[in-house]
Amino acid sequence: MELKLTLPLPISLNALYINKFGYNPKTRSRIPTGQRILSKEGEKTKKAIQTAANEQIKNSHWDYEYTLDNYIYMDTEIYFNRKGRDDNNVYKLLCDALEKIVYENDSRVLIRTQKILYNPDDPKVVVTFTPVTYRGIFNDEIHMNEFEDKCKVCKRYKRNCSILAKAKEGRIQEEINDEFECVKYNPIK
């Protein structure tokens, strides 16, 4: 499973938000509310990213449901319009714009910048999404299944073992040591 998108270059985080103002009838003036909202340029760029992503994802075999419970990598090649831009400043808008299109929530996206190039004539970001190989605390699905197979002959397994459930969620626990052995293992006799 892989999804590759070519998207408009997001604006910098520095230009993404503006302060929201409200009206004070006593002073008959505008006053800052303390809230930060998307700038007009931010809204325009977000919409352009979403439009491009929706168009490109139509004919793909991307499994949106997979992103509900699993992490994915987001590898990027960024083509800046000029030198001096910071790649970290483009990810906020990019990740937020792709929510509900590519993935459910950007908290499950692991970002990796693979390349930065400069092209003032065609600034863009090429994004490739792939599933992570690890599962919970385990190196991969095979490792997780081997651990669970041993759990199946433990008394705790039949009672929905919380240790196994937490390990699958990625929670570190003292009940599982560095060799991935459960110290609470109690085989059925």
Protein backbone atom coordinates (compact mmCIF):
# COMPACT_ATOMS: atom_id res chain seq x y z
CA MET A 1 0.00 0.00 0.00
CA GLU A 2 1.44 3.34 -1.10
CA LEU A 3 0.03 6.71 -2.06
CA LYS A 4 2.02 9.37 -3.91
CA LEU A 5 0.67 12.93 -4.27
CA THR A 6 2.08 16.05 -5.89
CA LEU A 7 0.67 19.05 -4.05
CA PRO A 8 1.01 22.84 -3.98
CA LEU A 9 3.75 24.08 -1.66
CA PRO A 10 2.17 25.08 1.66
CA ILE A 11 2.80 28.58 2.95
CA SER A 12 5.10 28.96 5.91
CA LEU A 13 3.76 28.53 9.42
CA ASN A 14 4.87 32.12 9.99
CA ALA A 15 2.23 33.36 7.50
CA LEU A 16 -0.42 30.73 8.23
CA TYR A 17 -2.24 32.36 11.14
CA ILE A 18 -3.38 35.87 12.02
CA ASN A 19 -4.79 37.35 15.21
CA LYS A 20 -8.56 37.54 15.40
CA PHE A 21 -10.07 40.88 16.35
CA GLY A 22 -13.42 41.68 17.90
CA TYR A 23 -15.34 44.91 18.29
CA ASN A 24 -15.54 46.68 21.67
CA PRO A 25 -18.70 48.83 21.71
CA LYS A 26 -17.51 50.84 24.72
CA THR A 27 -14.36 52.07 23.04
CA ARG A 28 -15.77 51.72 19.52
CA SER A 29 -12.62 50.05 18.40
CA ARG A 30 -11.31 46.68 17.32
CA ILE A 31 -9.48 44.71 19.99
CA PRO A 32 -7.53 41.43 19.74
CA THR A 33 -9.46 38.42 21.09
CA GLY A 34 -6.38 36.30 21.70
CA GLN A 35 -7.52 33.73 19.13
CA ARG A 36 -5.43 32.75 16.12
CA ILE A 37 -7.22 31.98 12.85
CA LEU A 38 -6.12 30.94 9.35
CA SER A 39 -5.03 33.84 7.18
CA LYS A 40 -6.73 34.35 3.79
CA GLU A 41 -3.59 33.02 2.10
CA GLY A 42 -3.63 30.04 4.50
CA GLU A 43 -7.26 29.25 3.66
CA LYS A 44 -6.56 29.56 -0.07
CA THR A 45 -3.51 27.28 0.07
CA LYS A 46 -5.31 24.72 2.26
CA LYS A 47 -8.17 24.54 -0.24
CA ALA A 48 -5.70 24.14 -3.15
CA ILE A 49 -3.94 21.27 -1.34
CA GLN A 50 -7.26 19.57 -0.56
CA THR A 51 -8.50 19.92 -4.14
CA ALA A 52 -5.29 18.45 -5.57
CA ALA A 53 -5.28 15.60 -3.03
CA ASN A 54 -8.94 14.72 -3.65
CA GLU A 55 -8.35 14.66 -7.41
CA GLN A 56 -5.25 12.44 -7.18
CA ILE A 57 -6.60 10.00 -4.58
CA LYS A 58 -9.68 9.11 -6.68
CA ASN A 59 -7.99 6.40 -8.75
CA SER A 60 -5.65 5.11 -6.06
CA HIS A 61 -5.91 1.96 -3.99
CA TRP A 62 -5.25 3.80 -0.73
CA ASP A 63 -6.81 2.18 2.36
CA TYR A 64 -8.19 5.09 4.41
CA GLU A 65 -9.60 2.65 7.00
CA TYR A 66 -6.05 1.44 7.74
CA THR A 67 -5.16 4.91 9.05
CA LEU A 68 -7.83 4.72 11.76
CA ASP A 69 -5.72 2.36 13.90
CA ASN A 70 -2.25 2.40 12.37
CA TYR A 71 0.60 4.83 11.87
CA ILE A 72 1.83 5.82 8.42
CA TYR A 73 5.01 7.44 7.12
CA MET A 74 4.79 10.67 5.16
CA ASP A 75 7.97 11.01 3.11
CA THR A 76 8.36 14.35 1.37
CA GLU A 77 10.40 15.91 -1.39
CA ILE A 78 10.03 19.66 -1.10
CA TYR A 79 10.63 21.99 -4.04
CA PHE A 80 10.93 25.45 -2.47
CA ASN A 81 10.49 28.63 -4.49
CA ARG A 82 13.57 30.17 -2.83
CA LYS A 83 16.46 29.33 -0.53
CA GLY A 84 16.19 30.02 3.17
CA ARG A 85 12.81 28.36 3.78
CA ASP A 86 12.42 25.94 6.66
CA ASP A 87 10.88 22.55 5.86
CA ASN A 88 9.36 22.26 9.35
CA ASN A 89 7.23 25.34 8.68
CA VAL A 90 5.27 23.68 5.84
CA TYR A 91 4.10 20.59 7.73
CA LYS A 92 1.38 22.15 9.90
CA LEU A 93 -0.76 23.23 6.95
CA LEU A 94 0.10 20.16 4.87
CA CYS A 95 -0.87 17.70 7.62
CA ASP A 96 -4.04 19.58 8.58
CA ALA A 97 -5.17 19.89 4.95
CA LEU A 98 -4.87 16.15 4.33
CA GLU A 99 -6.95 15.11 7.35
CA LYS A 100 -10.16 13.29 6.38
CA ILE A 101 -8.77 12.84 2.84
CA VAL A 102 -5.67 10.65 3.23
CA TYR A 103 -5.93 9.82 6.94
CA GLU A 104 -8.33 10.28 9.81
CA ASN A 105 -6.02 12.25 12.10
CA ASP A 106 -2.51 13.64 11.61
CA SER A 107 -1.50 12.34 15.06
CA ARG A 108 -0.88 9.01 13.26
CA VAL A 109 1.47 10.50 10.64
CA LEU A 110 5.25 10.18 11.00
CA ILE A 111 6.89 12.90 8.89
CA ARG A 112 10.23 12.41 7.12
CA THR A 113 11.81 14.99 4.82
CA GLN A 114 13.72 13.05 2.16
CA LYS A 115 14.87 15.85 -0.12
CA ILE A 116 14.85 19.64 -0.42
CA LEU A 117 15.31 21.23 -3.84
CA TYR A 118 14.69 24.70 -5.27
CA ASN A 119 12.45 25.46 -8.23
CA PRO A 120 11.04 29.01 -8.37
CA ASP A 121 9.01 28.10 -11.47
CA ASP A 122 7.24 25.10 -9.94
CA PRO A 123 7.27 25.07 -6.12
CA LYS A 124 5.54 21.94 -4.79
CA VAL A 125 5.74 19.09 -2.37
CA VAL A 126 5.74 15.45 -3.46
CA VAL A 127 4.36 13.31 -0.67
CA THR A 128 4.54 9.52 -0.41
CA PHE A 129 2.50 7.72 2.24
CA THR A 130 3.37 4.17 3.31
CA PRO A 131 2.43 2.08 6.34
CA VAL A 132 4.95 1.72 9.14
CA THR A 133 6.33 -1.77 9.66
CA TYR A 134 6.19 -1.86 13.44
CA ARG A 135 3.06 -2.83 15.36
CA GLY A 136 2.71 -1.48 18.88
CA ILE A 137 5.94 -2.25 20.74
CA PHE A 138 6.84 -4.99 18.26
CA ASN A 139 9.27 -4.66 15.34
CA ASP A 140 6.72 -5.93 12.81
CA GLU A 141 3.53 -7.93 12.50
CA ILE A 142 5.41 -11.27 12.52
CA HIS A 143 7.07 -10.34 15.82
CA MET A 144 3.69 -9.34 17.29
CA ASN A 145 2.03 -12.58 16.12
CA GLU A 146 4.83 -14.71 17.60
CA PHE A 147 4.40 -12.95 20.95
CA GLU A 148 0.62 -13.39 20.82
CA ASP A 149 0.92 -17.08 19.90
CA LYS A 150 2.78 -17.64 23.16
CA CYS A 151 0.10 -15.61 24.98
CA LYS A 152 -2.64 -17.93 23.71
CA VAL A 153 -1.53 -20.66 26.16
CA CYS A 154 -1.44 -18.25 29.11
CA LYS A 155 -4.27 -18.05 31.67
CA ARG A 156 -4.45 -14.25 31.24
CA TYR A 157 -5.18 -14.50 27.50
CA LYS A 158 -8.68 -15.95 27.93
CA ARG A 159 -9.54 -12.96 30.19
CA ASN A 160 -8.49 -10.44 27.51
CA CYS A 161 -4.97 -9.84 28.79
CA SER A 162 -4.42 -6.11 29.36
CA ILE A 163 -0.67 -6.55 28.98
CA LEU A 164 -1.04 -7.83 25.41
CA ALA A 165 -3.63 -5.14 24.57
CA LYS A 166 -1.36 -2.36 25.84
CA ALA A 167 1.66 -3.81 23.99
CA LYS A 168 -0.34 -3.73 20.74
CA GLU A 169 -1.18 -0.07 21.45
CA GLY A 170 2.53 0.71 21.79
CA ARG A 171 2.55 1.16 25.55
CA ILE A 172 5.80 0.33 27.33
CA GLN A 173 5.21 -1.79 30.44
CA GLU A 174 7.45 -3.30 33.08
CA GLU A 175 5.58 -6.62 32.61
CA ILE A 176 7.36 -7.09 29.25
CA ASN A 177 11.14 -7.14 29.55
CA ASP A 178 13.80 -6.16 26.99
CA GLU A 179 13.75 -9.69 25.52
CA PHE A 180 9.99 -9.35 24.90
CA GLU A 181 9.11 -11.90 27.56
CA CYS A 182 6.03 -11.35 29.71
CA VAL A 183 6.91 -11.66 33.40
CA LYS A 184 3.25 -12.43 34.18
CA TYR A 185 3.19 -15.41 31.80
CA ASN A 186 1.30 -18.26 33.44
CA PRO A 187 0.77 -21.22 31.08
CA ILE A 188 -2.42 -23.28 31.21
CA LYS A 189 -1.73 -26.72 32.67
